[in-house]
Amino acid sequence: MYFLFFSQLYLFTKNFTFKIAEFWSRTVMFMMKFILRIDYEILGRENIPKAPFIIASNHQSAWETFFFPILFRKSIFILKSELKRIPIFRNYFKKLGFIYVEKEHPIKSLKNLLINSKKSVSSGVNSIIIFPEGTRVSPGEKKELSTGVGALYKNLKIPVLPIRHNSGEYWINKKFVKKKGKIIINIHKPIFPGIKNDVLMKKLKEIYTS
């Protein structure tokens, strides 16, 4: 049924597509809780600023890509360019205004990121979700952070909301079998505009590795 909906996206408005995406995410969360026995708990909900803002989260599994559209309505993702190749869903990503980054063309990609993110905020998007680690990182593993989040922070002049979770302990990356348990989502205090890029990156690194 969902694939049928996604294949007809050209018929839908952007707002209706957001509603479809949220319903899909809620369905996945429901199945995870009652079939896989994976639940979650949110800490620091009071730290969520008024829109617009940048969500800078660690990335351990596919779980957070389903969860964030529920917690942060009308949000868009910064995606790797490889995801353009996924049939049907690439139309869905395009409809919602998701932004792609291409590692092969960093300068062009950064310009595209800054231009389209500013357009998105101006058009009413509540938040922009970026994974500064750039890819899924297993629990306990450390990875250098990409500079894209710093560029967004400087260009858009809106708060960065750091998030750390442990989804990878239960939704184990690249494995069919999952572990039951409770994912903890820690929403840290927002980092408001005005600090230097190296200070921002240091703060994020400390949050992800502490």
C-alpha atoms as a PDB file:
ATOM      1  CA  MET A   1       0.000   0.000   0.000  1.00  0.00           C
ATOM      2  CA  TYR A   2       2.779   2.447   0.944  1.00  0.00           C
ATOM      3  CA  PHE A   3       4.685   1.771  -2.254  1.00  0.00           C
ATOM      4  CA  LEU A   4       1.483   2.484  -4.194  1.00  0.00           C
ATOM      5  CA  PHE A   5       1.154   5.830  -2.411  1.00  0.00           C
ATOM      6  CA  PHE A   6       4.809   6.740  -2.945  1.00  0.00           C
ATOM      7  CA  SER A   7       4.568   5.959  -6.657  1.00  0.00           C
ATOM      8  CA  GLN A   8       1.804   8.578  -7.027  1.00  0.00           C
ATOM      9  CA  LEU A   9       3.559  11.428  -5.242  1.00  0.00           C
ATOM     10  CA  TYR A  10       3.244  13.787  -8.185  1.00  0.00           C
ATOM     11  CA  LEU A  11      -0.493  13.955  -7.366  1.00  0.00           C
ATOM     12  CA  PHE A  12       0.026  15.090  -3.767  1.00  0.00           C
ATOM     13  CA  THR A  13       0.797  18.424  -2.159  1.00  0.00           C
ATOM     14  CA  LYS A  14       3.965  18.776  -0.110  1.00  0.00           C
ATOM     15  CA  ASN A  15       1.980  19.042   3.141  1.00  0.00           C
ATOM     16  CA  PHE A  16       0.049  15.852   2.367  1.00  0.00           C
ATOM     17  CA  THR A  17       3.312  14.078   1.574  1.00  0.00           C
ATOM     18  CA  PHE A  18       4.634  15.115   4.988  1.00  0.00           C
ATOM     19  CA  LYS A  19       1.531  13.531   6.547  1.00  0.00           C
ATOM     20  CA  ILE A  20       2.091  10.297   4.619  1.00  0.00           C
ATOM     21  CA  ALA A  21       5.709  10.242   5.770  1.00  0.00           C
ATOM     22  CA  GLU A  22       4.710  10.763   9.396  1.00  0.00           C
ATOM     23  CA  PHE A  23       2.050   8.048   9.224  1.00  0.00           C
ATOM     24  CA  TRP A  24       4.574   5.653   7.698  1.00  0.00           C
ATOM     25  CA  SER A  25       7.073   6.443  10.468  1.00  0.00           C
ATOM     26  CA  ARG A  26       4.461   5.950  13.198  1.00  0.00           C
ATOM     27  CA  THR A  27       3.532   2.592  11.673  1.00  0.00           C
ATOM     28  CA  VAL A  28       7.171   1.489  11.724  1.00  0.00           C
ATOM     29  CA  MET A  29       7.538   2.628  15.352  1.00  0.00           C
ATOM     30  CA  PHE A  30       4.397   0.694  16.308  1.00  0.00           C
ATOM     31  CA  MET A  31       5.681  -2.495  14.693  1.00  0.00           C
ATOM     32  CA  MET A  32       9.075  -2.078  16.341  1.00  0.00           C
ATOM     33  CA  LYS A  33       7.488  -1.765  19.774  1.00  0.00           C
ATOM     34  CA  PHE A  34       5.006  -4.613  19.567  1.00  0.00           C
ATOM     35  CA  ILE A  35       6.857  -7.041  17.294  1.00  0.00           C
ATOM     36  CA  LEU A  36      10.563  -6.358  17.882  1.00  0.00           C
ATOM     37  CA  ARG A  37      10.053  -5.102  21.457  1.00  0.00           C
ATOM     38  CA  ILE A  38      12.152  -2.006  20.820  1.00  0.00           C
ATOM     39  CA  ASP A  39      10.802   0.966  22.768  1.00  0.00           C
ATOM     40  CA  TYR A  40      12.254   4.448  23.328  1.00  0.00           C
ATOM     41  CA  GLU A  41      12.468   7.215  25.901  1.00  0.00           C
ATOM     42  CA  ILE A  42      13.069  10.913  25.221  1.00  0.00           C
ATOM     43  CA  LEU A  43      15.154  12.990  27.621  1.00  0.00           C
ATOM     44  CA  GLY A  44      15.431  16.778  27.298  1.00  0.00           C
ATOM     45  CA  ARG A  45      12.311  17.454  25.285  1.00  0.00           C
ATOM     46  CA  GLU A  46      12.186  20.880  26.938  1.00  0.00           C
ATOM     47  CA  ASN A  47      15.400  21.804  25.085  1.00  0.00           C
ATOM     48  CA  ILE A  48      13.702  21.817  21.678  1.00  0.00           C
ATOM     49  CA  PRO A  49      13.721  25.441  20.470  1.00  0.00           C
ATOM     50  CA  LYS A  50      11.082  27.135  18.439  1.00  0.00           C
ATOM     51  CA  ALA A  51      11.517  26.434  14.735  1.00  0.00           C
ATOM     52  CA  PRO A  52      13.556  26.763  12.650  1.00  0.00           C
ATOM     53  CA  PHE A  53      16.651  24.939  13.858  1.00  0.00           C
ATOM     54  CA  ILE A  54      19.268  22.411  12.777  1.00  0.00           C
ATOM     55  CA  ILE A  55      19.154  18.907  14.272  1.00  0.00           C
ATOM     56  CA  ALA A  56      22.672  17.513  14.592  1.00  0.00           C
ATOM     57  CA  SER A  57      22.422  13.880  15.639  1.00  0.00           C
ATOM     58  CA  ASN A  58      24.754  10.926  15.884  1.00  0.00           C
ATOM     59  CA  HIS A  59      23.886   8.165  13.414  1.00  0.00           C
ATOM     60  CA  GLN A  60      23.909   4.504  14.436  1.00  0.00           C
ATOM     61  CA  SER A  61      21.093   2.859  12.472  1.00  0.00           C
ATOM     62  CA  ALA A  62      18.050   3.300  10.256  1.00  0.00           C
ATOM     63  CA  TRP A  63      15.912   3.686  13.379  1.00  0.00           C
ATOM     64  CA  GLU A  64      16.489   7.426  13.767  1.00  0.00           C
ATOM     65  CA  THR A  65      15.465   8.077  10.165  1.00  0.00           C
ATOM     66  CA  PHE A  66      12.022   6.716  11.043  1.00  0.00           C
ATOM     67  CA  PHE A  67      11.834   8.372  14.447  1.00  0.00           C
ATOM     68  CA  PHE A  68      12.878  11.964  13.765  1.00  0.00           C
ATOM     69  CA  PRO A  69       9.987  12.815  11.378  1.00  0.00           C
ATOM     70  CA  ILE A  70       7.602  11.944  14.241  1.00  0.00           C
ATOM     71  CA  LEU A  71       9.320  14.047  16.892  1.00  0.00           C
ATOM     72  CA  PHE A  72      10.183  16.884  14.507  1.00  0.00           C
ATOM     73  CA  ARG A  73       7.278  17.447  12.146  1.00  0.00           C
ATOM     74  CA  LYS A  74       7.911  19.040   8.757  1.00  0.00           C
ATOM     75  CA  SER A  75      11.616  18.363   8.936  1.00  0.00           C
ATOM     76  CA  ILE A  76      13.915  17.512   6.036  1.00  0.00           C
ATOM     77  CA  PHE A  77      17.051  15.385   5.870  1.00  0.00           C
ATOM     78  CA  ILE A  78      20.480  16.029   4.436  1.00  0.00           C
ATOM     79  CA  LEU A  79      21.125  12.825   2.442  1.00  0.00           C
ATOM     80  CA  LYS A  80      23.999  11.102   0.701  1.00  0.00           C
ATOM     81  CA  SER A  81      23.739  11.325  -3.085  1.00  0.00           C
ATOM     82  CA  GLU A  82      23.646   7.503  -3.391  1.00  0.00           C
ATOM     83  CA  LEU A  83      20.072   7.565  -2.102  1.00  0.00           C
ATOM     84  CA  LYS A  84      19.001   9.204  -5.357  1.00  0.00           C
ATOM     85  CA  ARG A  85      19.212   5.769  -6.923  1.00  0.00           C
ATOM     86  CA  ILE A  86      16.430   4.222  -4.832  1.00  0.00           C
ATOM     87  CA  PRO A  87      13.336   3.848  -7.071  1.00  0.00           C
ATOM     88  CA  ILE A  88      10.067   5.461  -5.857  1.00  0.00           C
ATOM     89  CA  PHE A  89      11.640   6.822  -2.666  1.00  0.00           C
ATOM     90  CA  ARG A  90      13.800   9.250  -4.636  1.00  0.00           C
ATOM     91  CA  ASN A  91      10.535  10.876  -5.763  1.00  0.00           C
ATOM     92  CA  TYR A  92       9.436  11.039  -2.150  1.00  0.00           C
ATOM     93  CA  PHE A  93      12.748  12.649  -1.101  1.00  0.00           C
ATOM     94  CA  LYS A  94      12.449  15.177  -3.915  1.00  0.00           C
ATOM     95  CA  LYS A  95       8.849  16.027  -3.063  1.00  0.00           C
ATOM     96  CA  LEU A  96       9.726  16.829   0.533  1.00  0.00           C
ATOM     97  CA  GLY A  97      12.754  18.867  -0.489  1.00  0.00           C
ATOM     98  CA  PHE A  98      15.462  16.661   1.011  1.00  0.00           C
ATOM     99  CA  ILE A  99      18.950  17.933   0.179  1.00  0.00           C
ATOM    100  CA  TYR A 100      21.731  15.749  -1.241  1.00  0.00           C
ATOM    101  CA  VAL A 101      25.454  16.027  -0.631  1.00  0.00           C
ATOM    102  CA  GLU A 102      28.050  14.566  -2.986  1.00  0.00           C
ATOM    103  CA  LYS A 103      31.421  13.611  -1.538  1.00  0.00           C
ATOM    104  CA  GLU A 104      32.920  13.516  -5.040  1.00  0.00           C
ATOM    105  CA  HIS A 105      32.207  17.231  -5.580  1.00  0.00           C
ATOM    106  CA  PRO A 106      32.609  18.879  -2.139  1.00  0.00           C
ATOM    107  CA  ILE A 107      32.652  22.546  -3.216  1.00  0.00           C
ATOM    108  CA  LYS A 108      29.655  22.241  -5.524  1.00  0.00           C
ATOM    109  CA  SER A 109      27.878  20.113  -2.946  1.00  0.00           C
ATOM    110  CA  LEU A 110      28.436  22.667  -0.172  1.00  0.00           C
ATOM    111  CA  LYS A 111      27.066  25.499  -2.327  1.00  0.00           C
ATOM    112  CA  ASN A 112      24.008  23.392  -3.127  1.00  0.00           C
ATOM    113  CA  LEU A 113      23.543  22.596   0.562  1.00  0.00           C
ATOM    114  CA  LEU A 114      23.645  26.239   1.631  1.00  0.00           C
ATOM    115  CA  ILE A 115      21.384  27.523  -1.155  1.00  0.00           C
ATOM    116  CA  ASN A 116      18.725  24.839  -0.740  1.00  0.00           C
ATOM    117  CA  SER A 117      18.754  24.854   3.055  1.00  0.00           C
ATOM    118  CA  LYS A 118      18.084  28.599   3.062  1.00  0.00           C
ATOM    119  CA  LYS A 119      15.219  28.097   0.608  1.00  0.00           C
ATOM    120  CA  SER A 120      13.798  25.338   2.794  1.00  0.00           C
ATOM    121  CA  VAL A 121      13.800  27.463   5.939  1.00  0.00           C
ATOM    122  CA  SER A 122      12.199  30.354   4.022  1.00  0.00           C
ATOM    123  CA  SER A 123       9.473  28.049   2.703  1.00  0.00           C
ATOM    124  CA  GLY A 124       8.347  26.905   6.162  1.00  0.00           C
ATOM    125  CA  VAL A 125      10.439  23.841   6.966  1.00  0.00           C
ATOM    126  CA  ASN A 126      10.656  23.528  10.763  1.00  0.00           C
ATOM    127  CA  SER A 127      14.019  21.831  11.030  1.00  0.00           C
ATOM    128  CA  ILE A 128      16.896  20.434   8.998  1.00  0.00           C
ATOM    129  CA  ILE A 129      18.293  17.060  10.087  1.00  0.00           C
ATOM    130  CA  ILE A 130      21.960  16.367   9.516  1.00  0.00           C
ATOM    131  CA  PHE A 131      24.195  13.525  10.695  1.00  0.00           C
ATOM    132  CA  PRO A 132      27.637  15.140  11.152  1.00  0.00           C
ATOM    133  CA  GLU A 133      29.300  11.717  11.263  1.00  0.00           C
ATOM    134  CA  GLY A 134      28.275  11.345   7.613  1.00  0.00           C
ATOM    135  CA  THR A 135      27.429   7.652   7.866  1.00  0.00           C
ATOM    136  CA  ARG A 136      26.239   5.057  10.370  1.00  0.00           C
ATOM    137  CA  VAL A 137      28.698   4.582  13.208  1.00  0.00           C
ATOM    138  CA  SER A 138      28.521   1.567  15.517  1.00  0.00           C
ATOM    139  CA  PRO A 139      28.245   2.127  19.289  1.00  0.00           C
ATOM    140  CA  GLY A 140      31.669   2.868  20.754  1.00  0.00           C
ATOM    141  CA  GLU A 141      33.174   3.721  17.375  1.00  0.00           C
ATOM    142  CA  LYS A 142      34.519   7.236  16.792  1.00  0.00           C
ATOM    143  CA  LYS A 143      34.510   9.178  13.544  1.00  0.00           C
ATOM    144  CA  GLU A 144      35.574  12.654  12.453  1.00  0.00           C
ATOM    145  CA  LEU A 145      32.657  15.030  11.961  1.00  0.00           C
ATOM    146  CA  SER A 146      31.929  16.627   8.613  1.00  0.00           C
ATOM    147  CA  THR A 147      32.020  20.406   8.301  1.00  0.00           C
ATOM    148  CA  GLY A 148      28.559  20.622   6.730  1.00  0.00           C
ATOM    149  CA  VAL A 149      26.821  21.259  10.043  1.00  0.00           C
ATOM    150  CA  GLY A 150      29.180  24.170  10.751  1.00  0.00           C
ATOM    151  CA  ALA A 151      28.467  25.666   7.334  1.00  0.00           C
ATOM    152  CA  LEU A 152      24.711  25.392   7.915  1.00  0.00           C
ATOM    153  CA  TYR A 153      25.044  26.952  11.371  1.00  0.00           C
ATOM    154  CA  LYS A 154      27.044  29.906  10.052  1.00  0.00           C
ATOM    155  CA  ASN A 155      24.954  30.437   6.913  1.00  0.00           C
ATOM    156  CA  LEU A 156      21.446  30.047   8.348  1.00  0.00           C
ATOM    157  CA  LYS A 157      22.140  31.705  11.703  1.00  0.00           C
ATOM    158  CA  ILE A 158      19.743  29.407  13.523  1.00  0.00           C
ATOM    159  CA  PRO A 159      20.321  27.149  16.572  1.00  0.00           C
ATOM    160  CA  VAL A 160      21.889  23.712  16.374  1.00  0.00           C
ATOM    161  CA  LEU A 161      20.097  21.108  18.499  1.00  0.00           C
ATOM    162  CA  PRO A 162      22.530  18.303  19.425  1.00  0.00           C
ATOM    163  CA  ILE A 163      21.028  14.831  19.881  1.00  0.00           C
ATOM    164  CA  ARG A 164      22.662  11.654  21.059  1.00  0.00           C
ATOM    165  CA  HIS A 165      20.987   8.238  21.159  1.00  0.00           C
ATOM    166  CA  ASN A 166      21.937   4.567  21.406  1.00  0.00           C
ATOM    167  CA  SER A 167      19.759   3.058  18.675  1.00  0.00           C
ATOM    168  CA  GLY A 168      22.649   0.954  17.386  1.00  0.00           C
ATOM    169  CA  GLU A 169      22.584  -1.172  20.525  1.00  0.00           C
ATOM    170  CA  TYR A 170      19.191  -2.589  19.531  1.00  0.00           C
ATOM    171  CA  TRP A 171      18.631  -1.814  15.843  1.00  0.00           C
ATOM    172  CA  ILE A 172      21.936  -3.387  14.899  1.00  0.00           C
ATOM    173  CA  ASN A 173      23.271  -2.054  11.599  1.00  0.00           C
ATOM    174  CA  LYS A 174      23.373  -4.501   8.671  1.00  0.00           C
ATOM    175  CA  LYS A 175      21.926  -7.353  10.729  1.00  0.00           C
ATOM    176  CA  PHE A 176      18.468  -8.836  10.268  1.00  0.00           C
ATOM    177  CA  VAL A 177      18.051  -9.863  13.903  1.00  0.00           C
ATOM    178  CA  LYS A 178      17.371  -6.992  16.331  1.00  0.00           C
ATOM    179  CA  LYS A 179      17.646  -6.845  20.127  1.00  0.00           C
ATOM    180  CA  LYS A 180      14.732  -5.899  22.346  1.00  0.00           C
ATOM    181  CA  GLY A 181      15.289  -2.999  24.715  1.00  0.00           C
ATOM    182  CA  LYS A 182      14.794   0.731  25.177  1.00  0.00           C
ATOM    183  CA  ILE A 183      16.507   3.359  23.037  1.00  0.00           C
ATOM    184  CA  ILE A 184      17.387   6.517  24.978  1.00  0.00           C
ATOM    185  CA  ILE A 185      17.268   9.799  23.046  1.00  0.00           C
ATOM    186  CA  ASN A 186      19.143  12.632  24.768  1.00  0.00           C
ATOM    187  CA  ILE A 187      18.192  16.074  23.473  1.00  0.00           C
ATOM    188  CA  HIS A 188      20.888  18.491  24.620  1.00  0.00           C
ATOM    189  CA  LYS A 189      20.558  22.232  25.053  1.00  0.00           C
ATOM    190  CA  PRO A 190      20.554  24.135  21.753  1.00  0.00           C
ATOM    191  CA  ILE A 191      23.688  25.886  20.583  1.00  0.00           C
ATOM    192  CA  PHE A 192      22.572  29.347  19.514  1.00  0.00           C
ATOM    193  CA  PRO A 193      24.240  31.395  16.768  1.00  0.00           C
ATOM    194  CA  GLY A 194      27.356  33.350  17.649  1.00  0.00           C
ATOM    195  CA  ILE A 195      30.139  30.889  18.441  1.00  0.00           C
ATOM    196  CA  LYS A 196      33.036  29.942  16.192  1.00  0.00           C
ATOM    197  CA  ASN A 197      32.906  26.849  14.007  1.00  0.00           C
ATOM    198  CA  ASP A 198      35.704  25.038  15.839  1.00  0.00           C
ATOM    199  CA  VAL A 199      33.913  25.558  19.172  1.00  0.00           C
ATOM    200  CA  LEU A 200      30.692  24.180  17.696  1.00  0.00           C
ATOM    201  CA  MET A 201      32.432  21.088  16.339  1.00  0.00           C
ATOM    202  CA  LYS A 202      34.203  20.526  19.656  1.00  0.00           C
ATOM    203  CA  LYS A 203      30.887  20.694  21.539  1.00  0.00           C
ATOM    204  CA  LEU A 204      29.276  18.179  19.172  1.00  0.00           C
ATOM    205  CA  LYS A 205      32.234  15.819  19.367  1.00  0.00           C
ATOM    206  CA  GLU A 206      32.114  15.890  23.162  1.00  0.00           C
ATOM    207  CA  ILE A 207      28.402  15.078  23.129  1.00  0.00           C
ATOM    208  CA  TYR A 208      28.758  12.143  20.742  1.00  0.00           C
ATOM    209  CA  THR A 209      31.741  10.600  22.518  1.00  0.00           C
ATOM    210  CA  SER A 210      31.021  11.309  26.186  1.00  0.00           C
END
